N, C-alpha and C. Protein backbone atom coordinates (compact mmCIF):
# COMPACT_ATOMS: atom_id res chain seq x y z
N MET A 1 1.07 25.11 1.89
CA MET A 1 1.59 23.77 1.65
C MET A 1 3.12 23.82 1.63
N THR A 2 3.73 22.80 2.17
CA THR A 2 5.18 22.67 2.15
C THR A 2 5.64 22.44 0.72
N SER A 3 6.80 22.97 0.39
CA SER A 3 7.29 22.83 -0.98
C SER A 3 7.71 21.39 -1.27
N ILE A 4 7.72 21.10 -2.55
CA ILE A 4 8.12 19.79 -3.04
C ILE A 4 9.61 19.86 -3.39
N ILE A 5 10.38 18.99 -2.79
CA ILE A 5 11.81 18.91 -3.06
C ILE A 5 12.03 17.68 -3.95
N ILE A 6 12.73 17.88 -5.06
CA ILE A 6 13.06 16.78 -5.97
C ILE A 6 14.55 16.49 -5.84
N ARG A 7 14.89 15.23 -5.64
CA ARG A 7 16.30 14.82 -5.58
C ARG A 7 16.48 13.54 -6.39
N THR A 8 17.71 13.25 -6.75
CA THR A 8 18.02 12.04 -7.49
C THR A 8 17.92 10.84 -6.56
N ALA A 9 17.25 9.79 -7.00
CA ALA A 9 17.10 8.57 -6.21
C ALA A 9 18.44 7.84 -6.13
N THR A 10 18.63 7.11 -5.04
CA THR A 10 19.82 6.28 -4.86
C THR A 10 19.39 4.84 -4.62
N ARG A 11 20.32 3.92 -4.71
CA ARG A 11 20.01 2.52 -4.43
C ARG A 11 19.48 2.35 -3.01
N GLU A 12 19.91 3.21 -2.08
CA GLU A 12 19.43 3.14 -0.70
C GLU A 12 17.95 3.48 -0.59
N ASP A 13 17.39 4.16 -1.57
CA ASP A 13 15.98 4.50 -1.60
C ASP A 13 15.10 3.34 -2.07
N ALA A 14 15.70 2.32 -2.67
CA ALA A 14 14.93 1.29 -3.39
C ALA A 14 13.84 0.64 -2.55
N SER A 15 14.14 0.26 -1.34
CA SER A 15 13.13 -0.41 -0.51
C SER A 15 11.95 0.50 -0.21
N ALA A 16 12.24 1.74 0.18
CA ALA A 16 11.16 2.69 0.48
C ALA A 16 10.35 3.00 -0.77
N LEU A 17 11.01 3.10 -1.91
CA LEU A 17 10.30 3.39 -3.15
C LEU A 17 9.43 2.22 -3.59
N GLN A 18 9.93 1.00 -3.41
CA GLN A 18 9.12 -0.16 -3.76
C GLN A 18 7.85 -0.20 -2.91
N HIS A 19 7.98 0.11 -1.64
CA HIS A 19 6.81 0.16 -0.74
C HIS A 19 5.84 1.24 -1.22
N LEU A 20 6.36 2.42 -1.58
CA LEU A 20 5.52 3.49 -2.08
C LEU A 20 4.79 3.07 -3.35
N ILE A 21 5.52 2.44 -4.27
CA ILE A 21 4.92 2.00 -5.53
C ILE A 21 3.76 1.04 -5.27
N GLU A 22 3.98 0.06 -4.41
CA GLU A 22 2.91 -0.91 -4.12
C GLU A 22 1.70 -0.23 -3.51
N ARG A 23 1.92 0.68 -2.58
CA ARG A 23 0.79 1.40 -1.95
C ARG A 23 0.07 2.27 -2.98
N SER A 24 0.84 2.98 -3.79
CA SER A 24 0.26 3.84 -4.81
C SER A 24 -0.63 3.04 -5.76
N VAL A 25 -0.11 1.93 -6.26
CA VAL A 25 -0.86 1.12 -7.21
C VAL A 25 -2.13 0.57 -6.57
N ARG A 26 -2.01 0.03 -5.37
CA ARG A 26 -3.17 -0.59 -4.72
C ARG A 26 -4.26 0.42 -4.38
N VAL A 27 -3.89 1.65 -4.08
CA VAL A 27 -4.89 2.65 -3.70
C VAL A 27 -5.34 3.50 -4.89
N LEU A 28 -4.40 4.07 -5.60
CA LEU A 28 -4.75 5.05 -6.64
C LEU A 28 -5.19 4.43 -7.96
N GLN A 29 -4.89 3.15 -8.17
CA GLN A 29 -5.32 2.52 -9.42
C GLN A 29 -6.58 1.67 -9.23
N ALA A 30 -7.05 1.58 -7.99
CA ALA A 30 -8.32 0.89 -7.73
C ALA A 30 -9.41 1.66 -8.46
N GLY A 31 -10.32 0.94 -9.08
CA GLY A 31 -11.38 1.58 -9.87
C GLY A 31 -11.01 1.68 -11.34
N TRP A 32 -9.72 1.63 -11.63
CA TRP A 32 -9.26 1.64 -13.01
C TRP A 32 -8.94 0.23 -13.48
N TYR A 33 -8.39 -0.54 -12.57
CA TYR A 33 -8.03 -1.93 -12.84
C TYR A 33 -8.66 -2.80 -11.76
N THR A 34 -8.88 -4.07 -12.06
CA THR A 34 -9.47 -4.98 -11.08
C THR A 34 -8.43 -5.31 -9.99
N PRO A 35 -8.90 -5.79 -8.83
CA PRO A 35 -7.95 -6.20 -7.79
C PRO A 35 -6.97 -7.26 -8.29
N GLU A 36 -7.43 -8.16 -9.14
CA GLU A 36 -6.55 -9.19 -9.69
C GLU A 36 -5.47 -8.59 -10.59
N GLN A 37 -5.87 -7.64 -11.41
CA GLN A 37 -4.89 -6.97 -12.27
C GLN A 37 -3.87 -6.20 -11.42
N ILE A 38 -4.34 -5.51 -10.41
CA ILE A 38 -3.45 -4.73 -9.55
C ILE A 38 -2.44 -5.63 -8.86
N GLU A 39 -2.90 -6.73 -8.29
CA GLU A 39 -1.96 -7.63 -7.59
C GLU A 39 -0.97 -8.26 -8.56
N ALA A 40 -1.45 -8.65 -9.73
CA ALA A 40 -0.53 -9.21 -10.73
C ALA A 40 0.50 -8.17 -11.17
N ALA A 41 0.07 -6.93 -11.33
CA ALA A 41 0.98 -5.86 -11.75
C ALA A 41 1.99 -5.52 -10.67
N VAL A 42 1.54 -5.48 -9.42
CA VAL A 42 2.44 -5.18 -8.30
C VAL A 42 3.54 -6.23 -8.21
N HIS A 43 3.22 -7.46 -8.55
CA HIS A 43 4.19 -8.55 -8.44
C HIS A 43 4.95 -8.82 -9.74
N SER A 44 4.76 -7.97 -10.73
CA SER A 44 5.47 -8.20 -11.99
C SER A 44 5.97 -6.90 -12.60
N VAL A 45 5.12 -6.16 -13.27
CA VAL A 45 5.56 -5.01 -14.08
C VAL A 45 5.93 -3.79 -13.24
N PHE A 46 5.18 -3.50 -12.18
CA PHE A 46 5.45 -2.30 -11.39
C PHE A 46 6.56 -2.57 -10.38
N GLY A 47 7.53 -1.71 -10.38
CA GLY A 47 8.64 -1.85 -9.45
C GLY A 47 9.77 -0.93 -9.83
N ILE A 48 10.80 -0.97 -9.04
CA ILE A 48 11.98 -0.14 -9.26
C ILE A 48 12.75 -0.67 -10.48
N ASP A 49 13.14 0.26 -11.33
CA ASP A 49 14.07 -0.08 -12.41
C ASP A 49 15.43 0.47 -11.98
N THR A 50 16.28 -0.41 -11.51
CA THR A 50 17.58 0.04 -10.99
C THR A 50 18.45 0.68 -12.07
N GLN A 51 18.18 0.38 -13.35
CA GLN A 51 18.93 1.03 -14.42
C GLN A 51 18.70 2.54 -14.38
N LEU A 52 17.46 2.97 -14.11
CA LEU A 52 17.17 4.40 -14.01
C LEU A 52 17.95 5.02 -12.86
N ILE A 53 17.99 4.33 -11.72
CA ILE A 53 18.75 4.84 -10.57
C ILE A 53 20.23 4.93 -10.94
N ASP A 54 20.77 3.87 -11.52
CA ASP A 54 22.18 3.86 -11.89
C ASP A 54 22.52 4.94 -12.92
N ASP A 55 21.57 5.24 -13.81
CA ASP A 55 21.78 6.28 -14.82
C ASP A 55 21.61 7.69 -14.24
N GLY A 56 21.10 7.78 -13.01
CA GLY A 56 20.87 9.10 -12.40
C GLY A 56 19.68 9.83 -12.95
N THR A 57 18.70 9.07 -13.50
CA THR A 57 17.53 9.69 -14.11
C THR A 57 16.22 9.32 -13.41
N TYR A 58 16.33 8.83 -12.17
CA TYR A 58 15.13 8.53 -11.38
C TYR A 58 15.15 9.43 -10.17
N TYR A 59 13.99 9.98 -9.84
CA TYR A 59 13.92 11.03 -8.83
C TYR A 59 12.91 10.69 -7.73
N VAL A 60 13.18 11.29 -6.58
CA VAL A 60 12.31 11.18 -5.41
C VAL A 60 11.75 12.57 -5.14
N ALA A 61 10.45 12.65 -4.94
CA ALA A 61 9.82 13.90 -4.51
C ALA A 61 9.55 13.78 -3.02
N GLU A 62 9.95 14.81 -2.28
CA GLU A 62 9.74 14.83 -0.84
C GLU A 62 8.94 16.06 -0.45
N ILE A 63 8.06 15.87 0.51
CA ILE A 63 7.29 16.96 1.10
C ILE A 63 7.46 16.83 2.61
N GLY A 64 7.98 17.86 3.22
CA GLY A 64 8.16 17.84 4.67
C GLY A 64 9.03 16.69 5.15
N GLY A 65 10.01 16.32 4.35
CA GLY A 65 10.91 15.24 4.72
C GLY A 65 10.37 13.85 4.47
N GLN A 66 9.16 13.72 3.94
CA GLN A 66 8.57 12.41 3.64
C GLN A 66 8.60 12.17 2.13
N ILE A 67 8.82 10.92 1.75
CA ILE A 67 8.79 10.57 0.32
C ILE A 67 7.34 10.63 -0.15
N ALA A 68 7.08 11.51 -1.10
CA ALA A 68 5.73 11.73 -1.60
C ALA A 68 5.50 11.10 -2.96
N GLY A 69 6.58 10.81 -3.68
CA GLY A 69 6.42 10.24 -5.01
C GLY A 69 7.77 9.96 -5.64
N CYS A 70 7.71 9.34 -6.81
CA CYS A 70 8.92 9.03 -7.56
C CYS A 70 8.56 8.98 -9.04
N GLY A 71 9.56 9.18 -9.86
CA GLY A 71 9.38 9.13 -11.30
C GLY A 71 10.66 9.50 -11.98
N GLY A 72 10.76 9.18 -13.27
CA GLY A 72 11.99 9.49 -13.95
C GLY A 72 11.86 9.47 -15.45
N TRP A 73 13.01 9.47 -16.07
CA TRP A 73 13.07 9.43 -17.52
C TRP A 73 14.25 8.55 -17.90
N SER A 74 14.30 8.16 -19.16
CA SER A 74 15.39 7.30 -19.58
C SER A 74 15.84 7.64 -20.97
N GLN A 75 17.12 7.41 -21.17
CA GLN A 75 17.72 7.54 -22.50
C GLN A 75 17.94 6.16 -23.11
N ARG A 76 17.25 5.16 -22.55
CA ARG A 76 17.33 3.78 -23.01
C ARG A 76 16.00 3.35 -23.63
N GLY A 77 16.02 2.26 -24.36
CA GLY A 77 14.85 1.82 -25.11
C GLY A 77 13.69 1.28 -24.30
N THR A 78 13.91 0.85 -23.07
CA THR A 78 12.82 0.29 -22.26
C THR A 78 11.73 1.34 -22.07
N LEU A 79 10.49 0.97 -22.36
CA LEU A 79 9.37 1.90 -22.25
C LEU A 79 8.67 1.80 -20.89
N TYR A 80 8.66 0.62 -20.30
CA TYR A 80 7.98 0.44 -19.01
C TYR A 80 8.50 -0.81 -18.32
N GLY A 81 8.25 -0.89 -17.02
CA GLY A 81 8.55 -2.09 -16.25
C GLY A 81 9.76 -1.95 -15.35
N GLY A 82 9.67 -2.59 -14.20
CA GLY A 82 10.77 -2.62 -13.26
C GLY A 82 11.88 -3.55 -13.73
N SER A 83 12.96 -3.56 -12.98
CA SER A 83 14.13 -4.38 -13.34
C SER A 83 13.78 -5.85 -13.51
N HIS A 84 12.85 -6.34 -12.71
CA HIS A 84 12.50 -7.76 -12.73
C HIS A 84 11.50 -8.12 -13.83
N TYR A 85 11.01 -7.15 -14.58
CA TYR A 85 10.03 -7.40 -15.64
C TYR A 85 10.76 -7.52 -16.97
N SER A 86 10.95 -8.73 -17.43
CA SER A 86 11.81 -8.97 -18.59
C SER A 86 11.10 -8.80 -19.94
N HIS A 87 9.77 -8.72 -19.95
CA HIS A 87 9.03 -8.65 -21.23
C HIS A 87 9.41 -7.43 -22.07
N SER A 88 9.78 -6.35 -21.43
CA SER A 88 9.96 -5.10 -22.18
C SER A 88 11.36 -4.50 -22.05
N ARG A 89 12.35 -5.27 -21.61
CA ARG A 89 13.70 -4.73 -21.41
C ARG A 89 14.38 -4.43 -22.73
N ASN A 90 14.93 -3.24 -22.83
CA ASN A 90 15.72 -2.84 -23.98
C ASN A 90 16.65 -1.73 -23.49
N ASP A 91 17.84 -2.10 -23.08
CA ASP A 91 18.76 -1.14 -22.47
C ASP A 91 19.65 -0.41 -23.47
N VAL A 92 19.36 -0.55 -24.78
CA VAL A 92 20.14 0.16 -25.79
C VAL A 92 19.94 1.67 -25.58
N LEU A 93 21.01 2.43 -25.76
CA LEU A 93 20.93 3.88 -25.64
C LEU A 93 20.21 4.47 -26.85
N LEU A 94 19.35 5.42 -26.59
CA LEU A 94 18.59 6.09 -27.64
C LEU A 94 19.40 7.25 -28.21
N ASP A 95 19.10 7.62 -29.44
CA ASP A 95 19.74 8.75 -30.11
C ASP A 95 18.84 9.97 -29.94
N PRO A 96 19.29 10.98 -29.17
CA PRO A 96 18.44 12.16 -28.93
C PRO A 96 18.01 12.87 -30.20
N ALA A 97 18.77 12.75 -31.26
CA ALA A 97 18.43 13.43 -32.51
C ALA A 97 17.23 12.80 -33.21
N ARG A 98 16.98 11.51 -32.97
CA ARG A 98 15.89 10.87 -33.69
C ARG A 98 14.91 10.10 -32.81
N ASP A 99 15.33 9.72 -31.59
CA ASP A 99 14.48 8.91 -30.71
C ASP A 99 13.86 9.76 -29.61
N PRO A 100 12.66 9.39 -29.15
CA PRO A 100 12.11 10.08 -27.99
C PRO A 100 12.70 9.52 -26.69
N ALA A 101 12.94 10.40 -25.73
CA ALA A 101 13.29 9.95 -24.38
C ALA A 101 12.08 9.23 -23.81
N ARG A 102 12.30 8.42 -22.80
CA ARG A 102 11.21 7.69 -22.16
C ARG A 102 10.89 8.33 -20.81
N ILE A 103 9.64 8.65 -20.59
CA ILE A 103 9.17 9.09 -19.27
C ILE A 103 8.72 7.83 -18.56
N ARG A 104 9.23 7.59 -17.33
CA ARG A 104 9.08 6.26 -16.74
C ARG A 104 8.68 6.28 -15.28
N ALA A 105 7.88 5.31 -14.91
CA ALA A 105 7.67 4.86 -13.53
C ALA A 105 7.29 5.97 -12.54
N PHE A 106 6.22 6.66 -12.84
CA PHE A 106 5.71 7.71 -11.95
C PHE A 106 4.70 7.10 -10.97
N PHE A 107 4.93 7.35 -9.69
CA PHE A 107 4.03 6.88 -8.64
C PHE A 107 3.99 7.93 -7.54
N THR A 108 2.79 8.16 -6.99
CA THR A 108 2.60 9.11 -5.90
C THR A 108 2.03 8.37 -4.70
N HIS A 109 2.56 8.68 -3.52
CA HIS A 109 2.00 8.12 -2.29
C HIS A 109 0.58 8.64 -2.16
N PRO A 110 -0.39 7.79 -1.83
CA PRO A 110 -1.79 8.23 -1.75
C PRO A 110 -2.01 9.44 -0.82
N ALA A 111 -1.22 9.57 0.24
CA ALA A 111 -1.38 10.70 1.15
C ALA A 111 -1.03 12.03 0.49
N PHE A 112 -0.30 11.97 -0.63
CA PHE A 112 0.13 13.19 -1.33
C PHE A 112 -0.48 13.32 -2.72
N ALA A 113 -1.49 12.52 -3.00
CA ALA A 113 -2.15 12.58 -4.31
C ALA A 113 -2.80 13.95 -4.52
N ARG A 114 -2.74 14.43 -5.74
CA ARG A 114 -3.33 15.69 -6.15
C ARG A 114 -2.80 16.90 -5.39
N LYS A 115 -1.52 16.83 -5.07
CA LYS A 115 -0.85 17.95 -4.40
C LYS A 115 0.32 18.49 -5.24
N GLY A 116 0.36 18.12 -6.52
CA GLY A 116 1.37 18.64 -7.42
C GLY A 116 2.64 17.80 -7.52
N VAL A 117 2.65 16.63 -6.88
CA VAL A 117 3.85 15.79 -6.90
C VAL A 117 4.16 15.30 -8.30
N GLY A 118 3.16 14.74 -8.98
CA GLY A 118 3.37 14.24 -10.35
C GLY A 118 3.79 15.35 -11.29
N ARG A 119 3.16 16.50 -11.17
CA ARG A 119 3.51 17.66 -12.01
C ARG A 119 4.95 18.08 -11.77
N ALA A 120 5.36 18.17 -10.50
CA ALA A 120 6.73 18.59 -10.18
C ALA A 120 7.75 17.60 -10.74
N LEU A 121 7.48 16.32 -10.58
CA LEU A 121 8.39 15.30 -11.12
C LEU A 121 8.44 15.37 -12.65
N LEU A 122 7.29 15.52 -13.27
CA LEU A 122 7.23 15.59 -14.74
C LEU A 122 8.01 16.80 -15.26
N GLU A 123 7.82 17.95 -14.65
CA GLU A 123 8.56 19.14 -15.08
C GLU A 123 10.06 18.96 -14.89
N HIS A 124 10.45 18.33 -13.78
CA HIS A 124 11.87 18.07 -13.53
C HIS A 124 12.44 17.15 -14.62
N CYS A 125 11.70 16.11 -14.94
CA CYS A 125 12.14 15.17 -15.99
C CYS A 125 12.23 15.85 -17.34
N GLU A 126 11.23 16.64 -17.68
CA GLU A 126 11.24 17.31 -18.98
C GLU A 126 12.42 18.26 -19.12
N THR A 127 12.78 18.94 -18.04
CA THR A 127 13.96 19.80 -18.07
C THR A 127 15.21 18.98 -18.35
N ALA A 128 15.33 17.84 -17.69
CA ALA A 128 16.50 16.97 -17.89
C ALA A 128 16.52 16.39 -19.30
N VAL A 129 15.35 16.02 -19.82
CA VAL A 129 15.24 15.47 -21.18
C VAL A 129 15.74 16.51 -22.20
N ARG A 130 15.30 17.75 -22.05
CA ARG A 130 15.74 18.81 -22.96
C ARG A 130 17.24 19.03 -22.84
N LYS A 131 17.74 19.06 -21.61
CA LYS A 131 19.17 19.28 -21.37
C LYS A 131 20.02 18.18 -22.02
N ALA A 132 19.46 16.95 -22.06
CA ALA A 132 20.16 15.82 -22.67
C ALA A 132 20.07 15.85 -24.20
N GLY A 133 19.34 16.81 -24.76
CA GLY A 133 19.29 16.98 -26.20
C GLY A 133 18.13 16.29 -26.90
N PHE A 134 17.20 15.72 -26.14
CA PHE A 134 16.05 15.06 -26.76
C PHE A 134 15.02 16.10 -27.21
N HIS A 135 14.36 15.80 -28.33
CA HIS A 135 13.36 16.70 -28.90
C HIS A 135 11.93 16.23 -28.66
N SER A 136 11.81 15.01 -28.12
CA SER A 136 10.48 14.47 -27.84
C SER A 136 10.59 13.47 -26.69
N ALA A 137 9.43 13.15 -26.13
CA ALA A 137 9.37 12.15 -25.06
C ALA A 137 8.18 11.24 -25.31
N GLU A 138 8.28 10.03 -24.82
CA GLU A 138 7.25 9.01 -25.01
C GLU A 138 7.09 8.25 -23.70
N MET A 139 5.89 7.73 -23.49
CA MET A 139 5.63 6.92 -22.29
C MET A 139 4.53 5.91 -22.55
N ALA A 140 4.47 4.94 -21.65
CA ALA A 140 3.33 4.02 -21.58
C ALA A 140 2.62 4.37 -20.28
N ALA A 141 1.58 5.18 -20.37
CA ALA A 141 0.88 5.70 -19.19
C ALA A 141 -0.19 4.72 -18.73
N THR A 142 -0.23 4.49 -17.42
CA THR A 142 -1.36 3.75 -16.89
C THR A 142 -2.60 4.62 -17.07
N LEU A 143 -3.76 4.01 -17.11
CA LEU A 143 -4.98 4.76 -17.38
C LEU A 143 -5.24 5.88 -16.36
N PRO A 144 -4.97 5.67 -15.05
CA PRO A 144 -5.19 6.79 -14.13
C PRO A 144 -4.21 7.95 -14.34
N GLY A 145 -3.07 7.71 -14.99
CA GLY A 145 -2.10 8.77 -15.23
C GLY A 145 -2.37 9.59 -16.48
N VAL A 146 -3.20 9.08 -17.38
CA VAL A 146 -3.45 9.74 -18.66
C VAL A 146 -3.89 11.20 -18.48
N PRO A 147 -4.84 11.52 -17.58
CA PRO A 147 -5.25 12.93 -17.45
C PRO A 147 -4.11 13.87 -17.05
N LEU A 148 -3.21 13.44 -16.17
CA LEU A 148 -2.06 14.27 -15.80
C LEU A 148 -1.21 14.58 -17.02
N TYR A 149 -0.85 13.54 -17.74
CA TYR A 149 0.04 13.73 -18.89
C TYR A 149 -0.64 14.53 -20.00
N ALA A 150 -1.91 14.30 -20.23
CA ALA A 150 -2.64 15.07 -21.24
C ALA A 150 -2.69 16.54 -20.86
N ALA A 151 -2.85 16.84 -19.59
CA ALA A 151 -2.88 18.23 -19.12
C ALA A 151 -1.54 18.93 -19.31
N HIS A 152 -0.48 18.15 -19.49
CA HIS A 152 0.84 18.71 -19.68
C HIS A 152 1.36 18.54 -21.11
N GLY A 153 0.41 18.40 -22.05
CA GLY A 153 0.76 18.45 -23.45
C GLY A 153 1.11 17.14 -24.13
N TYR A 154 0.89 16.02 -23.45
CA TYR A 154 1.17 14.72 -24.08
C TYR A 154 -0.06 14.30 -24.87
N ASP A 155 0.20 13.80 -26.08
CA ASP A 155 -0.86 13.32 -26.95
C ASP A 155 -1.01 11.82 -26.78
N ALA A 156 -2.24 11.37 -26.62
CA ALA A 156 -2.53 9.94 -26.46
C ALA A 156 -2.61 9.28 -27.82
N HIS A 157 -2.01 8.10 -27.90
CA HIS A 157 -2.03 7.31 -29.13
C HIS A 157 -2.71 5.98 -28.80
N GLU A 158 -2.18 4.91 -29.29
CA GLU A 158 -2.85 3.63 -29.10
C GLU A 158 -2.81 3.15 -27.65
N THR A 159 -3.85 2.42 -27.30
CA THR A 159 -3.90 1.73 -26.02
C THR A 159 -3.49 0.30 -26.29
N PHE A 160 -2.65 -0.25 -25.41
CA PHE A 160 -2.22 -1.63 -25.60
C PHE A 160 -2.18 -2.37 -24.28
N ASP A 161 -2.17 -3.68 -24.36
CA ASP A 161 -2.17 -4.53 -23.18
C ASP A 161 -0.76 -4.90 -22.78
N VAL A 162 -0.51 -4.82 -21.47
CA VAL A 162 0.75 -5.28 -20.90
C VAL A 162 0.48 -6.63 -20.24
N PRO A 163 1.19 -7.68 -20.65
CA PRO A 163 0.94 -9.00 -20.08
C PRO A 163 1.39 -9.10 -18.63
N LEU A 164 0.58 -9.79 -17.83
CA LEU A 164 0.84 -10.00 -16.41
C LEU A 164 0.73 -11.49 -16.11
N PRO A 165 1.26 -11.91 -14.97
CA PRO A 165 1.12 -13.33 -14.59
C PRO A 165 -0.35 -13.73 -14.45
N GLY A 166 -0.60 -15.02 -14.58
CA GLY A 166 -1.95 -15.56 -14.42
C GLY A 166 -2.87 -15.26 -15.58
N GLY A 167 -2.30 -14.85 -16.72
CA GLY A 167 -3.12 -14.56 -17.89
C GLY A 167 -3.79 -13.19 -17.84
N HIS A 168 -3.45 -12.37 -16.86
CA HIS A 168 -4.02 -11.03 -16.75
C HIS A 168 -3.26 -10.07 -17.65
N VAL A 169 -3.88 -8.94 -17.94
CA VAL A 169 -3.25 -7.83 -18.64
C VAL A 169 -3.74 -6.53 -18.00
N ILE A 170 -2.96 -5.47 -18.18
CA ILE A 170 -3.47 -4.13 -17.88
C ILE A 170 -3.31 -3.31 -19.14
N GLN A 171 -4.24 -2.42 -19.33
CA GLN A 171 -4.15 -1.52 -20.48
C GLN A 171 -3.34 -0.29 -20.09
N VAL A 172 -2.48 0.13 -21.01
CA VAL A 172 -1.74 1.37 -20.89
C VAL A 172 -1.88 2.12 -22.20
N ARG A 173 -1.57 3.39 -22.17
CA ARG A 173 -1.72 4.20 -23.37
C ARG A 173 -0.37 4.82 -23.72
N ARG A 174 0.05 4.64 -24.94
CA ARG A 174 1.26 5.30 -25.43
C ARG A 174 0.95 6.78 -25.62
N MET A 175 1.81 7.62 -25.02
CA MET A 175 1.62 9.08 -25.11
C MET A 175 2.95 9.71 -25.50
N THR A 176 2.89 10.78 -26.28
CA THR A 176 4.11 11.45 -26.74
C THR A 176 3.96 12.97 -26.60
N LYS A 177 5.12 13.62 -26.56
CA LYS A 177 5.15 15.08 -26.51
C LYS A 177 6.40 15.57 -27.23
N GLN A 178 6.22 16.60 -28.03
CA GLN A 178 7.36 17.26 -28.65
C GLN A 178 7.91 18.27 -27.65
N MET A 179 9.21 18.23 -27.41
CA MET A 179 9.83 19.16 -26.49
C MET A 179 10.19 20.43 -27.25
N GLU A 180 9.89 21.55 -26.67
CA GLU A 180 10.13 22.84 -27.34
C GLU A 180 11.53 23.32 -27.10
């Protein structure tokens, strides 16, 4: 298998990443969420968070020169949602001594699913989180992502609903990990 290259995302990547996110959600989350939930989520909560790109904490995974996935972390209070999703915005800077970093917006292109893309991105993010001085990380994991994060030492806590247009919701699970 060709190696996975991780690089920092740029604003020029935004269009390609948005397309990847939509394809990932529609294919890889089918069976976990209804088609109505998926479409509502694609048009609201799931998307590029340009703050992550601007902060230099959003990454692109490439295999053989193709974008295979994306994901990042944040030192800001927002737990989930793209730039256009206003329900959960909190751009206040977190204190690494007391607050957990946020693991954010992981998506894999369906053609590269189960090839180590999510793992590579997660390990890259965790290294950056530790380097930034954080002692823990937290996320709002979609249900299909829970097994990946659990396999990498994240503990699952409460499941909660994320509001979507049309009265829909999707369930996500808050997960945390202590960084060593």
